[in-house]
Amino acid sequence: MKLRVLTLLTAALFGALGAALRVFTENDLLSDFSSEAALILINVVGSACLGAITVYCEERPASCLDFLLNKGVGTGLLGSFTTFSALSLLCLNHDFVSGTCYMALSITLGAAAALAAMRLSKRLLQNSYH
């Protein structure tokens, strides 16, 4: 029971940070980009980060740091930083073809970024063990 409460609180705290980071990134850092480009870029960067964290947590023995990375940063921060609901709303505000293209582009680039980050992370971790 204590672990569930800790998991919930960790994800909620980091989720709030991720939402704030997304708003800051979209409104301040990427203000010169269109909302479509900013959202896709945020999703791609977040997916790459999640890929790297996933490999790091899988390759190392379980620890408190892994818990914070997995539940806090992975589920909470990156889950709210990269948001499918905002992408869905963006797609609904465009015609069907444009909306479908935005959705496909975000998912494809996000998956590619996660895969590339996972491969790079595995290689870096293997090199650090030798």
N, C-alpha and C. Protein backbone atom coordinates (compact mmCIF):
# COMPACT_ATOMS: atom_id res chain seq x y z
N MET A 1 0.82 -1.19 0.00
CA MET A 1 0.00 0.00 0.00
C MET A 1 0.87 1.26 0.00
N LYS A 2 1.93 1.27 0.80
CA LYS A 2 2.80 2.43 0.86
C LYS A 2 3.47 2.69 -0.49
N LEU A 3 3.85 1.59 -1.18
CA LEU A 3 4.50 1.75 -2.48
C LEU A 3 3.53 2.35 -3.50
N ARG A 4 2.25 1.96 -3.46
CA ARG A 4 1.27 2.54 -4.38
C ARG A 4 1.09 4.02 -4.15
N VAL A 5 1.03 4.41 -2.89
CA VAL A 5 0.88 5.83 -2.56
C VAL A 5 2.12 6.60 -3.01
N LEU A 6 3.30 6.04 -2.75
CA LEU A 6 4.55 6.68 -3.17
C LEU A 6 4.60 6.80 -4.69
N THR A 7 4.19 5.75 -5.39
CA THR A 7 4.17 5.78 -6.85
C THR A 7 3.22 6.86 -7.35
N LEU A 8 2.05 6.93 -6.78
CA LEU A 8 1.07 7.94 -7.17
C LEU A 8 1.58 9.35 -6.92
N LEU A 9 2.14 9.57 -5.76
CA LEU A 9 2.66 10.90 -5.43
C LEU A 9 3.85 11.28 -6.31
N THR A 10 4.71 10.32 -6.57
CA THR A 10 5.87 10.57 -7.43
C THR A 10 5.42 10.94 -8.84
N ALA A 11 4.51 10.15 -9.41
CA ALA A 11 4.02 10.43 -10.76
C ALA A 11 3.28 11.76 -10.81
N ALA A 12 2.50 12.07 -9.77
CA ALA A 12 1.75 13.33 -9.75
C ALA A 12 2.69 14.53 -9.66
N LEU A 13 3.68 14.46 -8.80
CA LEU A 13 4.62 15.57 -8.64
C LEU A 13 5.39 15.81 -9.93
N PHE A 14 5.96 14.75 -10.48
CA PHE A 14 6.71 14.89 -11.71
C PHE A 14 5.79 15.25 -12.88
N GLY A 15 4.54 14.78 -12.84
CA GLY A 15 3.57 15.13 -13.88
C GLY A 15 3.30 16.62 -13.90
N ALA A 16 3.19 17.21 -12.74
CA ALA A 16 2.99 18.66 -12.67
C ALA A 16 4.20 19.40 -13.25
N LEU A 17 5.39 18.91 -12.95
CA LEU A 17 6.59 19.51 -13.52
C LEU A 17 6.63 19.37 -15.04
N GLY A 18 6.24 18.19 -15.53
CA GLY A 18 6.23 17.96 -16.97
C GLY A 18 5.24 18.85 -17.70
N ALA A 19 4.07 19.04 -17.11
CA ALA A 19 3.07 19.92 -17.72
C ALA A 19 3.59 21.36 -17.77
N ALA A 20 4.21 21.81 -16.69
CA ALA A 20 4.78 23.16 -16.67
C ALA A 20 5.91 23.29 -17.69
N LEU A 21 6.73 22.26 -17.79
CA LEU A 21 7.84 22.27 -18.75
C LEU A 21 7.31 22.32 -20.19
N ARG A 22 6.22 21.61 -20.45
CA ARG A 22 5.63 21.62 -21.79
C ARG A 22 5.09 23.01 -22.14
N VAL A 23 4.38 23.63 -21.21
CA VAL A 23 3.85 24.97 -21.45
C VAL A 23 4.99 25.96 -21.67
N PHE A 24 6.02 25.89 -20.84
CA PHE A 24 7.18 26.77 -20.99
C PHE A 24 7.86 26.54 -22.34
N THR A 25 8.07 25.28 -22.69
CA THR A 25 8.74 24.95 -23.94
C THR A 25 7.94 25.45 -25.14
N GLU A 26 6.65 25.19 -25.13
CA GLU A 26 5.81 25.59 -26.26
C GLU A 26 5.66 27.11 -26.35
N ASN A 27 5.46 27.77 -25.23
CA ASN A 27 5.18 29.21 -25.24
C ASN A 27 6.43 30.09 -25.29
N ASP A 28 7.54 29.61 -24.75
CA ASP A 28 8.74 30.44 -24.68
C ASP A 28 9.86 29.95 -25.60
N LEU A 29 10.26 28.71 -25.45
CA LEU A 29 11.38 28.21 -26.25
C LEU A 29 11.03 28.02 -27.72
N LEU A 30 9.81 27.57 -27.99
CA LEU A 30 9.40 27.28 -29.37
C LEU A 30 8.34 28.26 -29.87
N SER A 31 8.34 29.46 -29.34
CA SER A 31 7.29 30.42 -29.69
C SER A 31 7.35 30.85 -31.16
N ASP A 32 8.51 30.71 -31.80
CA ASP A 32 8.62 31.07 -33.22
C ASP A 32 8.11 29.97 -34.14
N PHE A 33 7.84 28.80 -33.59
CA PHE A 33 7.34 27.68 -34.38
C PHE A 33 5.81 27.70 -34.39
N SER A 34 5.23 27.05 -35.39
CA SER A 34 3.78 26.88 -35.38
C SER A 34 3.42 25.93 -34.23
N SER A 35 2.18 25.98 -33.78
CA SER A 35 1.78 25.10 -32.69
C SER A 35 1.90 23.63 -33.11
N GLU A 36 1.68 23.35 -34.38
CA GLU A 36 1.82 21.97 -34.88
C GLU A 36 3.26 21.50 -34.80
N ALA A 37 4.19 22.33 -35.28
CA ALA A 37 5.61 21.96 -35.26
C ALA A 37 6.12 21.85 -33.82
N ALA A 38 5.70 22.77 -32.97
CA ALA A 38 6.14 22.73 -31.57
C ALA A 38 5.67 21.46 -30.89
N LEU A 39 4.42 21.09 -31.11
CA LEU A 39 3.88 19.89 -30.47
C LEU A 39 4.58 18.63 -30.96
N ILE A 40 4.83 18.55 -32.26
CA ILE A 40 5.53 17.38 -32.79
C ILE A 40 6.96 17.34 -32.25
N LEU A 41 7.63 18.46 -32.20
CA LEU A 41 9.00 18.50 -31.66
C LEU A 41 9.04 18.09 -30.20
N ILE A 42 8.09 18.58 -29.42
CA ILE A 42 8.01 18.20 -28.00
C ILE A 42 7.80 16.69 -27.87
N ASN A 43 6.91 16.13 -28.67
CA ASN A 43 6.65 14.69 -28.61
C ASN A 43 7.87 13.86 -29.02
N VAL A 44 8.61 14.33 -30.02
CA VAL A 44 9.79 13.61 -30.48
C VAL A 44 10.90 13.64 -29.43
N VAL A 45 11.15 14.81 -28.87
CA VAL A 45 12.18 14.93 -27.82
C VAL A 45 11.81 14.10 -26.60
N GLY A 46 10.55 14.18 -26.18
CA GLY A 46 10.10 13.41 -25.03
C GLY A 46 10.18 11.91 -25.27
N SER A 47 9.87 11.47 -26.49
CA SER A 47 9.96 10.05 -26.82
C SER A 47 11.40 9.56 -26.76
N ALA A 48 12.32 10.38 -27.25
CA ALA A 48 13.73 10.01 -27.19
C ALA A 48 14.20 9.90 -25.73
N CYS A 49 13.79 10.84 -24.91
CA CYS A 49 14.15 10.79 -23.48
C CYS A 49 13.58 9.54 -22.82
N LEU A 50 12.34 9.22 -23.14
CA LEU A 50 11.71 8.04 -22.56
C LEU A 50 12.42 6.77 -23.01
N GLY A 51 12.84 6.71 -24.27
CA GLY A 51 13.60 5.56 -24.76
C GLY A 51 14.90 5.37 -24.00
N ALA A 52 15.61 6.47 -23.78
CA ALA A 52 16.88 6.40 -23.06
C ALA A 52 16.67 5.96 -21.61
N ILE A 53 15.66 6.50 -20.96
CA ILE A 53 15.37 6.14 -19.57
C ILE A 53 14.96 4.69 -19.45
N THR A 54 14.19 4.21 -20.40
CA THR A 54 13.75 2.81 -20.39
C THR A 54 14.95 1.87 -20.43
N VAL A 55 15.88 2.12 -21.31
CA VAL A 55 17.08 1.27 -21.40
C VAL A 55 17.91 1.37 -20.13
N TYR A 56 18.08 2.56 -19.62
CA TYR A 56 18.87 2.75 -18.40
C TYR A 56 18.28 1.94 -17.25
N CYS A 57 16.96 2.00 -17.09
CA CYS A 57 16.31 1.27 -16.00
C CYS A 57 16.36 -0.25 -16.21
N GLU A 58 16.31 -0.69 -17.45
CA GLU A 58 16.36 -2.13 -17.74
C GLU A 58 17.75 -2.71 -17.54
N GLU A 59 18.77 -1.94 -17.82
CA GLU A 59 20.14 -2.44 -17.83
C GLU A 59 20.83 -2.41 -16.47
N ARG A 60 20.26 -1.71 -15.53
CA ARG A 60 20.89 -1.56 -14.22
C ARG A 60 20.08 -2.28 -13.15
N PRO A 61 20.72 -2.65 -12.06
CA PRO A 61 19.97 -3.25 -10.96
C PRO A 61 18.96 -2.25 -10.39
N ALA A 62 17.85 -2.77 -9.91
CA ALA A 62 16.79 -1.90 -9.37
C ALA A 62 17.32 -1.08 -8.19
N SER A 63 16.97 0.19 -8.18
CA SER A 63 17.38 1.07 -7.09
C SER A 63 16.34 2.17 -6.94
N CYS A 64 16.54 3.01 -5.96
CA CYS A 64 15.66 4.15 -5.75
C CYS A 64 15.72 5.09 -6.95
N LEU A 65 16.90 5.26 -7.53
CA LEU A 65 17.05 6.11 -8.71
C LEU A 65 16.22 5.57 -9.87
N ASP A 66 16.22 4.25 -10.06
CA ASP A 66 15.42 3.65 -11.12
C ASP A 66 13.94 3.90 -10.90
N PHE A 67 13.49 3.83 -9.66
CA PHE A 67 12.09 4.09 -9.34
C PHE A 67 11.73 5.53 -9.72
N LEU A 68 12.59 6.48 -9.33
CA LEU A 68 12.33 7.88 -9.65
C LEU A 68 12.36 8.12 -11.15
N LEU A 69 13.32 7.50 -11.84
CA LEU A 69 13.40 7.67 -13.29
C LEU A 69 12.19 7.06 -13.98
N ASN A 70 11.82 5.84 -13.59
CA ASN A 70 10.73 5.13 -14.25
C ASN A 70 9.38 5.78 -13.96
N LYS A 71 9.03 5.86 -12.69
CA LYS A 71 7.70 6.38 -12.30
C LYS A 71 7.64 7.90 -12.34
N GLY A 72 8.68 8.54 -11.85
CA GLY A 72 8.67 10.00 -11.79
C GLY A 72 8.92 10.65 -13.14
N VAL A 73 10.08 10.40 -13.68
CA VAL A 73 10.45 11.06 -14.93
C VAL A 73 9.73 10.43 -16.11
N GLY A 74 9.71 9.08 -16.19
CA GLY A 74 9.09 8.41 -17.33
C GLY A 74 7.59 8.61 -17.38
N THR A 75 6.90 8.11 -16.37
CA THR A 75 5.44 8.19 -16.36
C THR A 75 4.95 9.60 -16.09
N GLY A 76 5.50 10.27 -15.10
CA GLY A 76 5.00 11.58 -14.69
C GLY A 76 5.45 12.70 -15.60
N LEU A 77 6.73 13.02 -15.55
CA LEU A 77 7.24 14.18 -16.28
C LEU A 77 7.08 14.03 -17.79
N LEU A 78 7.59 12.95 -18.35
CA LEU A 78 7.51 12.79 -19.80
C LEU A 78 6.10 12.46 -20.27
N GLY A 79 5.32 11.82 -19.42
CA GLY A 79 3.93 11.54 -19.78
C GLY A 79 3.11 12.80 -19.94
N SER A 80 3.40 13.80 -19.13
CA SER A 80 2.66 15.06 -19.26
C SER A 80 3.36 16.04 -20.21
N PHE A 81 4.67 15.89 -20.38
CA PHE A 81 5.40 16.73 -21.33
C PHE A 81 4.97 16.38 -22.76
N THR A 82 4.96 15.11 -23.06
CA THR A 82 4.47 14.64 -24.35
C THR A 82 3.02 14.25 -24.14
N THR A 83 2.13 14.86 -24.83
CA THR A 83 0.73 14.60 -24.55
C THR A 83 -0.03 14.24 -25.80
N PHE A 84 -0.63 13.07 -25.77
CA PHE A 84 -1.43 12.61 -26.91
C PHE A 84 -2.72 13.39 -27.01
N SER A 85 -3.26 13.84 -25.90
CA SER A 85 -4.52 14.57 -25.94
C SER A 85 -4.37 15.90 -26.68
N ALA A 86 -3.26 16.59 -26.50
CA ALA A 86 -3.04 17.85 -27.23
C ALA A 86 -2.88 17.57 -28.72
N LEU A 87 -2.22 16.48 -29.05
CA LEU A 87 -2.07 16.10 -30.45
C LEU A 87 -3.44 15.76 -31.06
N SER A 88 -4.25 15.05 -30.30
CA SER A 88 -5.59 14.71 -30.78
C SER A 88 -6.42 15.96 -31.03
N LEU A 89 -6.37 16.90 -30.11
CA LEU A 89 -7.10 18.15 -30.28
C LEU A 89 -6.59 18.93 -31.48
N LEU A 90 -5.27 18.96 -31.64
CA LEU A 90 -4.67 19.62 -32.79
C LEU A 90 -5.20 19.01 -34.09
N CYS A 91 -5.28 17.70 -34.13
CA CYS A 91 -5.76 17.02 -35.33
C CYS A 91 -7.23 17.31 -35.60
N LEU A 92 -8.02 17.42 -34.56
CA LEU A 92 -9.44 17.72 -34.73
C LEU A 92 -9.68 19.15 -35.23
N ASN A 93 -8.73 20.03 -34.99
CA ASN A 93 -8.87 21.42 -35.43
C ASN A 93 -8.43 21.63 -36.88
N HIS A 94 -8.04 20.56 -37.56
CA HIS A 94 -7.65 20.63 -38.96
C HIS A 94 -8.56 19.72 -39.77
N ASP A 95 -8.44 19.84 -41.08
CA ASP A 95 -9.22 18.92 -41.90
C ASP A 95 -8.67 17.51 -41.72
N PHE A 96 -9.43 16.52 -42.16
CA PHE A 96 -9.10 15.12 -41.90
C PHE A 96 -7.71 14.74 -42.39
N VAL A 97 -7.37 15.15 -43.61
CA VAL A 97 -6.08 14.76 -44.19
C VAL A 97 -4.93 15.41 -43.41
N SER A 98 -5.02 16.71 -43.13
CA SER A 98 -3.96 17.38 -42.38
C SER A 98 -3.84 16.80 -40.97
N GLY A 99 -4.98 16.60 -40.32
CA GLY A 99 -4.96 16.04 -38.97
C GLY A 99 -4.34 14.66 -38.92
N THR A 100 -4.69 13.84 -39.90
CA THR A 100 -4.12 12.49 -39.98
C THR A 100 -2.62 12.55 -40.23
N CYS A 101 -2.19 13.49 -41.05
CA CYS A 101 -0.75 13.64 -41.32
C CYS A 101 0.01 14.07 -40.07
N TYR A 102 -0.54 15.03 -39.31
CA TYR A 102 0.10 15.44 -38.06
C TYR A 102 0.22 14.27 -37.09
N MET A 103 -0.85 13.51 -36.97
CA MET A 103 -0.86 12.36 -36.07
C MET A 103 0.19 11.33 -36.51
N ALA A 104 0.18 10.99 -37.79
CA ALA A 104 1.13 9.99 -38.31
C ALA A 104 2.57 10.46 -38.17
N LEU A 105 2.80 11.73 -38.45
CA LEU A 105 4.15 12.27 -38.35
C LEU A 105 4.65 12.24 -36.91
N SER A 106 3.82 12.66 -35.98
CA SER A 106 4.20 12.67 -34.58
C SER A 106 4.49 11.26 -34.06
N ILE A 107 3.62 10.33 -34.39
CA ILE A 107 3.81 8.95 -33.92
C ILE A 107 5.05 8.32 -34.56
N THR A 108 5.21 8.51 -35.87
CA THR A 108 6.35 7.91 -36.57
C THR A 108 7.68 8.49 -36.09
N LEU A 109 7.76 9.81 -36.03
CA LEU A 109 9.00 10.44 -35.57
C LEU A 109 9.27 10.14 -34.09
N GLY A 110 8.21 10.09 -33.28
CA GLY A 110 8.38 9.76 -31.87
C GLY A 110 8.91 8.34 -31.68
N ALA A 111 8.35 7.40 -32.42
CA ALA A 111 8.82 6.01 -32.33
C ALA A 111 10.26 5.89 -32.83
N ALA A 112 10.58 6.58 -33.91
CA ALA A 112 11.95 6.55 -34.43
C ALA A 112 12.93 7.16 -33.43
N ALA A 113 12.54 8.26 -32.80
CA ALA A 113 13.41 8.90 -31.82
C ALA A 113 13.61 8.00 -30.60
N ALA A 114 12.55 7.36 -30.15
CA ALA A 114 12.66 6.44 -29.00
C ALA A 114 13.58 5.28 -29.34
N LEU A 115 13.42 4.70 -30.52
CA LEU A 115 14.25 3.57 -30.95
C LEU A 115 15.72 3.99 -31.06
N ALA A 116 15.96 5.14 -31.67
CA ALA A 116 17.35 5.62 -31.80
C ALA A 116 17.97 5.88 -30.43
N ALA A 117 17.22 6.48 -29.54
CA ALA A 117 17.73 6.74 -28.19
C ALA A 117 17.98 5.45 -27.42
N MET A 118 17.12 4.46 -27.61
CA MET A 118 17.31 3.17 -26.95
C MET A 118 18.59 2.50 -27.45
N ARG A 119 18.80 2.52 -28.75
CA ARG A 119 20.01 1.90 -29.31
C ARG A 119 21.27 2.63 -28.85
N LEU A 120 21.23 3.94 -28.88
CA LEU A 120 22.38 4.72 -28.44
C LEU A 120 22.65 4.49 -26.95
N SER A 121 21.61 4.46 -26.15
CA SER A 121 21.77 4.24 -24.71
C SER A 121 22.36 2.87 -24.42
N LYS A 122 21.89 1.84 -25.13
CA LYS A 122 22.46 0.50 -24.94
C LYS A 122 23.94 0.49 -25.27
N ARG A 123 24.29 1.13 -26.37
CA ARG A 123 25.69 1.17 -26.78
C ARG A 123 26.54 1.92 -25.75
N LEU A 124 26.05 3.05 -25.28
CA LEU A 124 26.79 3.83 -24.28
C LEU A 124 26.94 3.07 -22.97
N LEU A 125 25.87 2.40 -22.53
CA LEU A 125 25.96 1.63 -21.29
C LEU A 125 26.89 0.44 -21.42
N GLN A 126 26.89 -0.23 -22.57
CA GLN A 126 27.80 -1.35 -22.79
C GLN A 126 29.24 -0.88 -22.76
N ASN A 127 29.51 0.26 -23.36
CA ASN A 127 30.86 0.81 -23.36
C ASN A 127 31.31 1.24 -21.96
N SER A 128 30.37 1.68 -21.14
CA SER A 128 30.74 2.12 -19.79
C SER A 128 31.02 0.95 -18.86
N TYR A 129 30.51 -0.25 -19.21
CA TYR A 129 30.76 -1.43 -18.38
C TYR A 129 32.13 -2.04 -18.69
N HIS A 130 32.72 -1.71 -19.80
CA HIS A 130 34.00 -2.33 -20.20
C HIS A 130 35.17 -1.46 -19.90
